[in-house]
Amino acid sequence: MTHDMTHTSGAGSHPTQSELDGVRTARVISFFIDYAIVLLLCVPLAIIVFFLGIITLGFAWALYAILPGLVAVLYLALTMGGANQATVGMSMMGVRIKRLDGERIDPFLAILHGVLFWVINFTVFMLLISFFSSKKRLAQDILLGTYVARD
């Protein structure tokens, strides 16, 4: 198993306090950045779906129902589940997602993390739990054995 030496977090290791400083704020800001990026990515795809709908006599317009979710899932898989282990917003805010066991986040885990975020997002509990978690983790982090830390 190889690790990027600038971001070591071996099996069973715990994040340092400096890795956790400002993480909660960075996560909130990165969420808004990523949300804007996903919405911007939806625009050209929505235009393509529009023309496909004309060609298919309206059948392709059913894709509008899943377009934002599909774009978000692909975005998470390619960014958070990719080499940087962070979305564009997370990278801009200087944070990345890590696993407690030191392994890399794969695309499936990145998607699952995002889906759980949206499922749990409907309750205030999600953000409140970070105030009581020793690693400032959110509910989906606790469920999946992940945490977000400063680079």
Protein backbone atom coordinates (compact mmCIF):
# COMPACT_ATOMS: atom_id res chain seq x y z
CA MET A 1 0.00 0.00 0.00
CA THR A 2 1.46 3.34 -1.00
CA HIS A 3 0.58 6.65 0.55
CA ASP A 4 1.23 10.18 -0.60
CA MET A 5 3.92 11.18 1.88
CA THR A 6 2.51 14.68 2.25
CA HIS A 7 -0.75 13.26 3.52
CA THR A 8 0.22 10.37 5.72
CA SER A 9 -2.44 8.86 7.84
CA GLY A 10 -1.44 5.30 8.58
CA ALA A 11 -3.73 2.52 9.66
CA GLY A 12 -5.26 3.30 13.00
CA SER A 13 -3.74 6.78 13.16
CA HIS A 14 -5.66 9.75 14.44
CA PRO A 15 -5.73 13.19 12.87
CA THR A 16 -3.70 15.88 14.58
CA GLN A 17 -5.38 19.00 15.93
CA SER A 18 -3.82 21.08 13.13
CA GLU A 19 -5.47 18.74 10.58
CA LEU A 20 -8.86 19.45 12.19
CA ASP A 21 -8.58 23.23 12.70
CA GLY A 22 -11.24 25.00 10.66
CA VAL A 23 -12.50 21.81 9.04
CA ARG A 24 -16.17 22.43 9.83
CA THR A 25 -16.12 25.88 8.22
CA ALA A 26 -14.11 24.60 5.25
CA ARG A 27 -16.63 21.80 4.71
CA VAL A 28 -19.57 24.20 4.67
CA ILE A 29 -17.86 26.56 2.21
CA SER A 30 -16.68 23.69 0.00
CA PHE A 31 -20.25 22.36 -0.10
CA PHE A 32 -21.48 25.62 -1.64
CA ILE A 33 -18.60 25.69 -4.13
CA ASP A 34 -19.29 22.09 -5.18
CA TYR A 35 -23.03 22.70 -5.35
CA ALA A 36 -22.43 25.61 -7.75
CA ILE A 37 -20.08 23.47 -9.87
CA VAL A 38 -22.64 20.66 -10.13
CA LEU A 39 -25.33 23.15 -11.12
CA LEU A 40 -23.04 24.67 -13.77
CA LEU A 41 -22.26 21.20 -15.13
CA CYS A 42 -26.00 20.54 -15.41
CA VAL A 43 -26.56 23.47 -17.78
CA PRO A 44 -24.84 22.09 -20.90
CA LEU A 45 -26.22 18.63 -20.19
CA ALA A 46 -29.72 20.05 -19.85
CA ILE A 47 -29.34 21.67 -23.27
CA ILE A 48 -28.25 18.34 -24.75
CA VAL A 49 -31.25 16.61 -23.11
CA PHE A 50 -33.52 19.28 -24.59
CA PHE A 51 -32.37 18.51 -28.13
CA LEU A 52 -32.45 14.77 -27.48
CA GLY A 53 -36.04 15.24 -26.32
CA ILE A 54 -36.95 16.84 -29.63
CA ILE A 55 -35.33 13.99 -31.55
CA THR A 56 -37.00 11.31 -29.38
CA LEU A 57 -40.42 13.00 -29.40
CA GLY A 58 -40.09 13.94 -25.73
CA PHE A 59 -38.91 10.63 -24.29
CA ALA A 60 -35.42 11.91 -23.44
CA TRP A 61 -36.92 14.72 -21.38
CA ALA A 62 -37.50 12.15 -18.63
CA LEU A 63 -33.74 12.45 -18.04
CA TYR A 64 -34.37 15.85 -16.46
CA ALA A 65 -35.70 14.03 -13.37
CA ILE A 66 -32.33 12.38 -12.71
CA LEU A 67 -29.91 14.83 -14.32
CA PRO A 68 -28.76 16.73 -11.18
CA GLY A 69 -28.36 13.52 -9.19
CA LEU A 70 -26.48 11.81 -11.98
CA VAL A 71 -24.13 14.77 -12.39
CA ALA A 72 -23.53 14.93 -8.63
CA VAL A 73 -22.79 11.20 -8.40
CA LEU A 74 -20.31 11.34 -11.27
CA TYR A 75 -18.74 14.49 -9.82
CA LEU A 76 -18.20 12.79 -6.44
CA ALA A 77 -16.87 9.58 -7.98
CA LEU A 78 -14.35 11.43 -10.14
CA THR A 79 -13.22 14.02 -7.58
CA MET A 80 -13.59 12.69 -4.03
CA GLY A 81 -13.03 9.14 -5.25
CA GLY A 82 -10.14 10.19 -7.49
CA ALA A 83 -6.45 10.85 -7.00
CA ASN A 84 -6.90 14.07 -4.98
CA GLN A 85 -9.38 12.50 -2.53
CA ALA A 86 -11.25 15.82 -2.56
CA THR A 87 -13.87 17.63 -4.58
CA VAL A 88 -12.91 20.88 -6.29
CA GLY A 89 -14.48 22.82 -3.40
CA MET A 90 -12.63 20.75 -0.82
CA SER A 91 -9.34 21.32 -2.66
CA MET A 92 -9.99 25.06 -2.79
CA MET A 93 -10.59 25.05 0.97
CA GLY A 94 -7.50 22.92 1.67
CA VAL A 95 -9.25 19.82 2.98
CA ARG A 96 -9.53 16.22 1.83
CA ILE A 97 -11.43 13.13 2.88
CA LYS A 98 -9.54 10.31 4.56
CA ARG A 99 -10.37 6.88 5.90
CA LEU A 100 -9.61 5.99 9.50
CA ASP A 101 -7.83 2.82 8.37
CA GLY A 102 -5.48 4.81 6.11
CA GLU A 103 -6.81 3.35 2.84
CA ARG A 104 -7.83 5.53 -0.11
CA ILE A 105 -11.40 6.58 -0.79
CA ASP A 106 -12.64 4.70 -3.85
CA PRO A 107 -15.34 6.06 -6.20
CA PHE A 108 -18.04 3.83 -4.66
CA LEU A 109 -17.29 5.07 -1.13
CA ALA A 110 -17.25 8.67 -2.39
CA ILE A 111 -20.71 8.18 -3.93
CA LEU A 112 -22.01 6.49 -0.79
CA HIS A 113 -20.64 9.36 1.31
CA GLY A 114 -22.48 11.88 -0.88
CA VAL A 115 -25.74 9.92 -0.86
CA LEU A 116 -25.64 9.60 2.93
CA PHE A 117 -24.92 13.32 3.15
CA TRP A 118 -28.13 14.09 1.26
CA VAL A 119 -30.21 11.52 3.17
CA ILE A 120 -28.99 12.76 6.55
CA ASN A 121 -28.96 16.40 5.41
CA PHE A 122 -32.68 16.68 6.05
CA THR A 123 -32.04 16.80 9.79
CA VAL A 124 -30.18 19.34 11.89
CA PHE A 125 -28.58 16.33 13.58
CA MET A 126 -26.02 16.09 10.78
CA LEU A 127 -24.22 19.32 11.58
CA LEU A 128 -24.79 19.18 15.32
CA ILE A 129 -23.01 15.87 15.64
CA SER A 130 -19.75 17.49 14.48
CA PHE A 131 -19.71 19.63 17.62
CA PHE A 132 -19.60 16.50 19.78
CA SER A 133 -17.36 14.31 17.62
CA SER A 134 -13.69 14.25 18.59
CA LYS A 135 -12.66 14.48 14.93
CA LYS A 136 -15.38 16.98 13.90
CA ARG A 137 -16.95 14.18 11.89
CA LEU A 138 -20.46 14.29 10.44
CA ALA A 139 -22.89 11.38 10.67
CA GLN A 140 -21.92 9.95 7.27
CA ASP A 141 -18.24 10.10 8.29
CA ILE A 142 -18.96 8.09 11.43
CA LEU A 143 -21.01 5.52 9.49
CA LEU A 144 -18.36 5.08 6.79
CA GLY A 145 -15.18 5.35 8.88
CA THR A 146 -14.00 8.58 7.26
CA TYR A 147 -13.03 12.07 8.36
CA VAL A 148 -12.15 15.32 6.64
CA ALA A 149 -8.81 16.93 7.48
CA ARG A 150 -6.68 19.85 6.42
CA ASP A 151 -3.96 19.12 3.87
